[in-house]
N, C-alpha and C. Protein backbone atom coordinates (compact mmCIF):
# COMPACT_ATOMS: atom_id res chain seq x y z
N UNK A 1 1.59 -1.17 0.08
CA UNK A 1 -0.47 0.23 -0.12
C UNK A 1 0.71 1.41 -0.02
N UNK A 2 0.26 2.25 -0.41
CA UNK A 2 1.26 3.46 -0.21
C UNK A 2 0.50 4.64 -0.46
N UNK A 3 1.09 5.43 0.70
CA UNK A 3 1.08 6.05 1.65
C UNK A 3 -0.25 7.54 0.97
N UNK A 4 -0.99 8.40 1.84
CA UNK A 4 -2.04 8.60 1.33
C UNK A 4 -0.51 10.71 0.33
N UNK A 5 0.64 10.51 1.79
CA UNK A 5 0.86 11.86 0.65
C UNK A 5 1.74 11.83 -0.48
N UNK A 6 2.20 10.01 -0.98
CA UNK A 6 1.90 9.95 -2.04
C UNK A 6 1.90 9.25 -3.33
N UNK A 7 0.79 9.44 -3.01
CA UNK A 7 -0.53 9.13 -3.87
C UNK A 7 -0.49 10.71 -4.14
N UNK A 8 -1.25 11.85 -3.68
CA UNK A 8 -1.27 12.55 -3.44
C UNK A 8 0.03 13.72 -4.72
N UNK A 9 1.14 13.66 -3.63
CA UNK A 9 2.69 13.92 -4.85
C UNK A 9 2.59 13.51 -6.21
N UNK A 10 1.88 11.85 -6.78
CA UNK A 10 2.51 11.50 -7.59
C UNK A 10 1.73 12.23 -8.26
N UNK A 11 0.30 11.75 -7.85
CA UNK A 11 -1.07 12.16 -8.73
C UNK A 11 -0.83 13.72 -9.38
N UNK A 12 0.32 15.00 -8.39
CA UNK A 12 0.18 16.01 -9.11
C UNK A 12 1.26 16.66 -9.92
N UNK A 13 2.15 15.05 -9.56
CA UNK A 13 3.48 15.89 -10.89
C UNK A 13 3.12 15.02 -11.34
N UNK A 14 1.91 14.37 -11.88
CA UNK A 14 1.86 13.86 -13.74
C UNK A 14 1.58 15.21 -14.48
N UNK A 15 0.96 16.09 -14.77
CA UNK A 15 1.86 16.89 -15.50
C UNK A 15 2.49 18.55 -15.84
N UNK A 16 2.92 18.13 -14.78
CA UNK A 16 5.11 18.19 -15.27
C UNK A 16 5.84 17.05 -15.47
N UNK A 17 5.66 15.96 -15.86
CA UNK A 17 5.72 14.69 -16.79
C UNK A 17 5.57 14.79 -17.99
N UNK A 18 4.17 15.34 -17.80
CA UNK A 18 3.58 14.94 -18.94
C UNK A 18 4.05 15.65 -20.32
N UNK A 19 4.10 17.34 -19.43
CA UNK A 19 4.83 18.13 -20.29
C UNK A 19 6.28 18.26 -20.92
N UNK A 20 7.19 17.41 -19.47
CA UNK A 20 8.37 17.30 -20.55
C UNK A 20 8.17 16.62 -21.47
N UNK A 21 8.62 14.95 -20.89
CA UNK A 21 7.94 14.42 -22.00
C UNK A 21 8.28 14.74 -23.48
N UNK A 22 6.66 15.08 -23.68
CA UNK A 22 6.37 16.08 -24.73
C UNK A 22 6.79 17.30 -25.81
N UNK A 23 7.37 17.84 -24.36
CA UNK A 23 9.04 18.98 -25.29
C UNK A 23 9.86 18.16 -25.28
N UNK A 24 10.20 17.29 -24.80
CA UNK A 24 11.38 16.90 -25.92
C UNK A 24 11.32 15.97 -26.98
N UNK A 25 10.10 14.98 -27.13
CA UNK A 25 10.17 15.10 -28.73
C UNK A 25 9.73 16.13 -29.25
N UNK A 26 9.13 17.23 -29.07
CA UNK A 26 9.45 18.33 -29.88
C UNK A 26 10.08 18.71 -30.48
N UNK A 27 11.58 19.64 -29.45
CA UNK A 27 12.21 19.60 -29.40
C UNK A 27 13.33 19.28 -30.10
N UNK A 28 13.30 17.91 -30.54
CA UNK A 28 14.13 16.73 -31.13
C UNK A 28 13.42 16.77 -33.07
N UNK A 29 12.38 16.80 -32.42
CA UNK A 29 11.25 17.18 -34.04
C UNK A 29 11.96 18.40 -34.99
N UNK A 30 11.83 19.63 -34.12
CA UNK A 30 11.77 20.68 -34.69
C UNK A 30 13.80 20.80 -35.25
N UNK A 31 14.46 20.51 -34.44
CA UNK A 31 16.40 20.71 -34.12
C UNK A 31 15.95 19.72 -34.92
N UNK A 32 15.16 18.55 -36.19
CA UNK A 32 15.34 17.46 -37.12
C UNK A 32 15.34 18.11 -38.28
N UNK A 33 13.98 19.18 -37.99
CA UNK A 33 13.08 19.84 -39.62
C UNK A 33 13.97 20.74 -39.50
N UNK A 34 14.22 21.65 -38.42
CA UNK A 34 14.27 22.59 -39.16
C UNK A 34 16.07 23.50 -39.27
N UNK A 35 16.92 22.07 -38.11
CA UNK A 35 18.10 22.68 -38.34
C UNK A 35 18.62 22.07 -38.97
N UNK A 36 18.67 20.11 -39.14
CA UNK A 36 19.68 19.40 -39.24
C UNK A 36 18.61 18.64 -40.83
N UNK A 37 20.11 18.11 -41.53
CA UNK A 37 19.48 18.26 -43.24
C UNK A 37 19.52 16.26 -42.23
N UNK A 38 18.75 15.47 -43.24
CA UNK A 38 19.28 13.68 -42.80
C UNK A 38 19.69 13.49 -43.78
N UNK A 39 20.37 13.14 -42.99
CA UNK A 39 21.64 12.36 -43.38
C UNK A 39 21.87 11.47 -44.67
N UNK A 40 21.02 10.72 -45.68
CA UNK A 40 20.33 9.88 -46.09
C UNK A 40 21.43 8.74 -45.94
N UNK A 41 22.00 7.81 -45.01
CA UNK A 41 22.37 7.11 -44.36
C UNK A 41 22.13 5.64 -44.30
N UNK A 42 20.99 5.93 -45.16
CA UNK A 42 20.43 4.71 -45.35
C UNK A 42 19.40 4.74 -46.90
N UNK A 43 20.44 3.98 -47.17
CA UNK A 43 19.52 4.56 -48.96
C UNK A 43 18.13 4.06 -48.49
N UNK A 44 18.24 3.36 -47.81
CA UNK A 44 16.59 2.36 -48.01
C UNK A 44 15.83 1.81 -46.72
N UNK A 45 14.54 3.46 -46.56
CA UNK A 45 14.20 2.63 -45.60
C UNK A 45 13.82 2.16 -44.29
N UNK A 46 12.77 0.87 -45.80
CA UNK A 46 11.82 -0.69 -46.02
C UNK A 46 12.90 -0.94 -43.87
N UNK A 47 13.78 -2.00 -43.61
CA UNK A 47 14.26 -1.48 -42.95
C UNK A 47 13.33 -1.11 -41.43
N UNK A 48 13.82 0.33 -41.29
CA UNK A 48 13.38 1.03 -40.47
C UNK A 48 11.58 1.65 -40.25
N UNK A 49 11.19 0.85 -40.81
CA UNK A 49 9.45 1.03 -41.21
C UNK A 49 9.32 -0.30 -40.47
N UNK A 50 9.81 -0.60 -41.14
CA UNK A 50 9.03 -2.16 -40.05
C UNK A 50 9.26 -2.15 -39.24
N UNK A 51 10.09 -1.74 -38.14
CA UNK A 51 10.75 -1.54 -36.68
C UNK A 51 9.89 -0.58 -36.29
N UNK A 52 9.68 0.07 -36.72
CA UNK A 52 9.19 1.18 -36.03
C UNK A 52 7.64 0.58 -36.20
N UNK A 53 6.55 0.35 -36.94
CA UNK A 53 5.68 -0.31 -37.23
C UNK A 53 5.44 -1.43 -36.17
N UNK A 54 6.58 -2.16 -35.97
CA UNK A 54 6.81 -2.87 -34.88
C UNK A 54 6.06 -2.26 -33.83
N UNK A 55 7.45 -1.61 -33.06
CA UNK A 55 6.59 -0.34 -31.79
C UNK A 55 5.31 -0.44 -31.37
N UNK A 56 5.16 0.53 -32.99
CA UNK A 56 4.03 2.02 -33.01
C UNK A 56 3.03 1.03 -32.66
N UNK A 57 2.99 -0.90 -32.93
CA UNK A 57 1.84 -1.19 -33.04
C UNK A 57 1.49 -2.07 -31.28
N UNK A 58 3.17 -2.38 -30.76
CA UNK A 58 3.25 -2.84 -29.53
C UNK A 58 2.52 -1.63 -28.87
N UNK A 59 3.01 -0.11 -28.84
CA UNK A 59 2.39 0.94 -27.50
C UNK A 59 0.83 0.95 -28.08
N UNK A 60 0.20 1.16 -29.34
CA UNK A 60 -0.37 0.86 -29.31
C UNK A 60 -1.30 0.41 -28.67
N UNK A 61 -1.19 -1.31 -28.90
CA UNK A 61 -1.16 -2.24 -27.06
C UNK A 61 -1.72 -2.10 -25.99
N UNK A 62 -0.23 -1.83 -25.77
CA UNK A 62 0.10 -1.82 -24.41
C UNK A 62 -1.22 0.29 -23.70
N UNK A 63 -1.05 0.59 -25.10
CA UNK A 63 -2.43 1.90 -23.84
C UNK A 63 -3.59 1.14 -24.35
N UNK A 64 -4.02 -0.28 -24.67
CA UNK A 64 -5.61 -0.63 -24.83
C UNK A 64 -5.19 -1.58 -23.76
N UNK A 65 -4.33 -2.42 -23.54
CA UNK A 65 -4.21 -2.94 -22.10
C UNK A 65 -4.26 -1.97 -20.28
N UNK A 66 -3.64 -1.29 -20.76
CA UNK A 66 -3.28 0.53 -18.99
C UNK A 66 -4.62 0.46 -19.42
N UNK A 67 -5.37 1.17 -20.29
CA UNK A 67 -7.02 1.42 -20.55
C UNK A 67 -8.05 1.18 -19.83
N UNK A 68 -7.54 -0.64 -20.24
CA UNK A 68 -8.92 -1.55 -20.14
C UNK A 68 -7.84 -1.78 -18.13
N UNK A 69 -6.18 -2.07 -17.99
CA UNK A 69 -6.59 -2.04 -16.31
C UNK A 69 -6.98 -0.52 -15.24
N UNK A 70 -6.89 0.69 -15.99
CA UNK A 70 -7.93 1.55 -14.69
C UNK A 70 -9.20 1.50 -14.97
N UNK A 71 -9.81 1.44 -16.20
CA UNK A 71 -10.91 1.16 -16.20
C UNK A 71 -12.54 -0.05 -15.40
N UNK A 72 -11.38 -1.08 -15.32
CA UNK A 72 -11.68 -2.04 -14.43
C UNK A 72 -11.48 -1.98 -13.48
N UNK A 73 -10.45 -0.72 -12.26
CA UNK A 73 -10.27 -0.63 -11.41
C UNK A 73 -9.42 -1.85 -10.51
N UNK A 74 -8.53 -2.01 -11.32
CA UNK A 74 -7.74 -3.15 -10.88
C UNK A 74 -6.10 -2.14 -10.39
N UNK A 75 -6.02 -1.20 -10.77
CA UNK A 75 -4.14 -0.91 -10.52
C UNK A 75 -5.39 0.65 -9.23
N UNK A 76 -4.55 0.71 -8.14
CA UNK A 76 -4.08 2.12 -6.87
C UNK A 76 -3.97 3.25 -8.11
N UNK A 77 -4.00 3.99 -6.73
CA UNK A 77 -3.52 5.16 -7.22
C UNK A 77 -2.46 5.88 -7.59
N UNK A 78 -1.37 4.90 -6.87
CA UNK A 78 0.21 4.81 -7.35
C UNK A 78 0.11 3.92 -8.76
N UNK A 79 -0.54 2.96 -8.57
CA UNK A 79 -0.03 2.45 -10.11
C UNK A 79 -1.07 3.02 -10.65
N UNK A 80 -2.13 3.92 -11.07
CA UNK A 80 -1.90 4.77 -12.22
C UNK A 80 -1.88 5.73 -12.09
N UNK A 81 -0.76 6.26 -12.19
CA UNK A 81 0.65 7.35 -11.83
C UNK A 81 1.55 7.07 -12.87
N UNK A 82 2.25 5.28 -11.80
CA UNK A 82 3.13 4.11 -12.73
C UNK A 82 1.91 3.41 -14.35
N UNK A 83 1.83 3.89 -14.27
CA UNK A 83 0.71 3.50 -16.02
C UNK A 83 0.77 5.05 -16.58
N UNK A 84 0.65 5.94 -16.31
CA UNK A 84 0.54 7.04 -16.90
C UNK A 84 2.61 7.71 -17.42
N UNK A 85 3.32 6.88 -16.89
CA UNK A 85 4.60 7.35 -16.96
C UNK A 85 4.54 6.44 -17.74
N UNK A 86 4.68 4.64 -17.63
CA UNK A 86 4.64 3.66 -19.05
C UNK A 86 4.30 3.97 -20.23
N UNK A 87 2.79 4.78 -20.04
CA UNK A 87 2.31 4.75 -21.41
C UNK A 87 2.69 6.31 -22.45
N UNK A 88 2.84 7.41 -21.21
CA UNK A 88 3.92 8.06 -22.01
C UNK A 88 5.26 8.19 -22.49
N UNK A 89 6.53 6.88 -21.71
CA UNK A 89 7.35 6.53 -21.61
C UNK A 89 7.36 6.19 -23.44
N UNK A 90 6.12 5.03 -23.13
CA UNK A 90 6.16 3.96 -24.65
C UNK A 90 5.75 5.31 -26.39
N UNK A 91 5.34 5.45 -26.25
CA UNK A 91 4.67 7.09 -26.98
C UNK A 91 5.72 7.95 -27.35
N UNK A 92 6.91 8.33 -25.69
CA UNK A 92 8.19 8.86 -26.01
C UNK A 92 8.55 7.48 -27.00
N UNK A 93 9.16 6.96 -26.59
CA UNK A 93 9.81 5.56 -27.01
C UNK A 93 10.18 5.82 -28.95
N UNK A 94 8.33 5.09 -29.10
CA UNK A 94 7.98 5.31 -30.53
C UNK A 94 8.85 6.71 -31.22
N UNK A 95 8.09 7.89 -30.46
CA UNK A 95 8.12 9.20 -31.79
C UNK A 95 9.86 8.51 -31.82
N UNK A 96 11.01 8.79 -30.85
CA UNK A 96 12.05 9.24 -31.19
C UNK A 96 12.13 8.34 -32.25
N UNK A 97 12.15 6.65 -32.64
CA UNK A 97 12.83 5.70 -33.14
C UNK A 97 12.13 6.44 -34.50
N UNK A 98 10.93 7.15 -35.13
CA UNK A 98 10.64 7.37 -36.06
C UNK A 98 11.10 8.02 -36.64
N UNK A 99 11.35 9.19 -35.47
CA UNK A 99 12.62 10.75 -35.73
C UNK A 99 13.38 10.28 -35.84
N UNK A 100 14.03 9.74 -35.21
CA UNK A 100 16.05 9.36 -35.56
C UNK A 100 15.85 8.33 -36.94
N UNK A 101 14.90 7.65 -37.49
CA UNK A 101 14.62 7.25 -38.26
C UNK A 101 14.24 7.98 -39.79
N UNK A 102 13.26 8.76 -39.43
CA UNK A 102 14.00 10.17 -40.22
C UNK A 102 15.70 10.53 -40.19
N UNK A 103 15.82 11.01 -39.71
CA UNK A 103 17.62 11.26 -39.09
C UNK A 103 18.47 10.68 -40.26
N UNK A 104 18.68 9.36 -40.08
CA UNK A 104 18.94 8.30 -40.94
C UNK A 104 18.91 8.22 -41.81
N UNK A 105 17.35 8.56 -42.97
CA UNK A 105 17.00 7.68 -44.16
C UNK A 105 16.61 9.20 -44.70
N UNK A 106 15.55 10.91 -44.10
CA UNK A 106 15.66 11.61 -45.03
C UNK A 106 13.99 10.75 -44.92
N UNK A 107 13.78 10.08 -45.24
CA UNK A 107 11.84 8.98 -44.83
C UNK A 107 11.08 10.07 -44.17
N UNK A 108 10.03 10.90 -45.19
CA UNK A 108 9.06 11.67 -44.28
C UNK A 108 7.91 11.45 -43.08
N UNK A 109 7.53 9.30 -44.07
CA UNK A 109 6.88 9.07 -43.90
C UNK A 109 7.38 8.88 -42.49
N UNK A 110 8.39 8.53 -42.15
CA UNK A 110 8.43 9.09 -40.42
C UNK A 110 8.26 8.91 -39.81
N UNK A 111 8.27 10.62 -40.54
CA UNK A 111 8.65 12.08 -39.32
C UNK A 111 7.06 12.06 -39.27
N UNK A 112 6.07 12.14 -40.34
CA UNK A 112 4.45 11.94 -40.02
C UNK A 112 3.78 11.25 -39.23
N UNK A 113 4.09 9.14 -39.27
CA UNK A 113 3.36 9.16 -38.86
C UNK A 113 3.95 9.34 -37.27
N UNK A 114 5.28 9.43 -36.62
CA UNK A 114 5.76 8.82 -35.52
C UNK A 114 5.14 9.35 -35.14
N UNK A 115 4.72 11.03 -35.19
CA UNK A 115 4.76 12.47 -34.24
C UNK A 115 3.01 12.22 -35.02
N UNK A 116 2.29 12.13 -35.29
CA UNK A 116 0.97 11.41 -35.14
C UNK A 116 0.17 11.02 -34.48
N UNK A 117 1.11 9.29 -34.49
CA UNK A 117 1.11 8.10 -34.18
C UNK A 117 1.30 9.01 -31.19
N UNK A 118 2.54 10.01 -31.76
CA UNK A 118 2.41 10.22 -30.82
C UNK A 118 1.42 11.24 -30.74
N UNK A 119 1.24 11.71 -30.56
CA UNK A 119 0.13 13.13 -30.72
C UNK A 119 -1.35 12.53 -30.59
N UNK A 120 -1.71 11.30 -31.30
CA UNK A 120 -2.92 10.84 -30.33
C UNK A 120 -2.43 10.41 -29.29
N UNK A 121 -1.84 9.56 -29.26
CA UNK A 121 -1.40 9.09 -27.89
C UNK A 121 -1.21 10.13 -26.70
N UNK A 122 -1.00 11.00 -26.15
CA UNK A 122 -0.52 12.62 -25.56
C UNK A 122 -2.11 12.46 -25.38
N UNK A 123 -2.74 13.22 -26.50
CA UNK A 123 -4.23 13.94 -26.77
C UNK A 123 -4.89 12.64 -25.96
N UNK A 124 -5.42 11.35 -26.28
CA UNK A 124 -6.01 10.09 -26.04
C UNK A 124 -5.91 10.17 -24.42
N UNK A 125 -4.61 10.10 -23.30
CA UNK A 125 -4.34 9.42 -22.46
C UNK A 125 -3.44 11.18 -21.55
N UNK A 126 -4.35 12.03 -21.29
CA UNK A 126 -3.53 12.83 -20.26
C UNK A 126 -3.55 13.01 -19.03
N UNK A 127 -3.26 14.04 -18.18
CA UNK A 127 -2.71 13.60 -17.24
C UNK A 127 -4.39 13.25 -16.18
N UNK A 128 -5.73 14.06 -16.48
CA UNK A 128 -6.59 13.57 -16.24
C UNK A 128 -7.11 12.40 -17.12
N UNK A 129 -6.83 11.84 -16.98
CA UNK A 129 -7.05 9.94 -17.65
C UNK A 129 -6.49 9.09 -16.43
N UNK A 130 -6.07 9.93 -15.93
CA UNK A 130 -5.11 8.63 -14.47
C UNK A 130 -5.58 9.03 -12.73
N UNK A 131 -6.10 9.73 -13.00
CA UNK A 131 -6.34 10.19 -11.95
C UNK A 131 -7.64 9.88 -11.24
N UNK A 132 -7.99 9.83 -9.66
CA UNK A 132 -8.08 8.91 -8.89
C UNK A 132 -10.09 8.92 -8.91
N UNK A 133 -10.13 9.87 -10.27
CA UNK A 133 -11.22 10.16 -10.34
C UNK A 133 -12.10 9.64 -11.65
N UNK A 134 -11.34 9.22 -12.45
CA UNK A 134 -11.39 8.88 -14.29
C UNK A 134 -11.59 7.79 -13.43
N UNK A 135 -12.82 7.11 -13.72
CA UNK A 135 -12.68 5.77 -13.47
C UNK A 135 -13.80 4.56 -14.79
């Protein structure tokens, strides 16, 4: 069991962590698009697309599992905060993979799809979705 002050503390800090993870992806994307030129080190981006797609499918499935556990009431308040961080970290990871694929190959499809999935997951699962009142 987690103590009440810790639960309040962890729930209060979720918006800060949410914004920090999002700003990292946005800044990395901005640097790639506006400052760096893709190196085209990889001529055929097919394997990058396949790797990103596998990660994206996994992240989307995990998001569904986490949402189902929250709706069923299987998680305590501290579990909700941990689930939120895990979900947002997975969303950030797939976005960083897609952005790095863009950096290596210049494949704009990876850039667009990874940012679109990132935006969807972030808008679909804001900090309020993990509050104790969101059942």
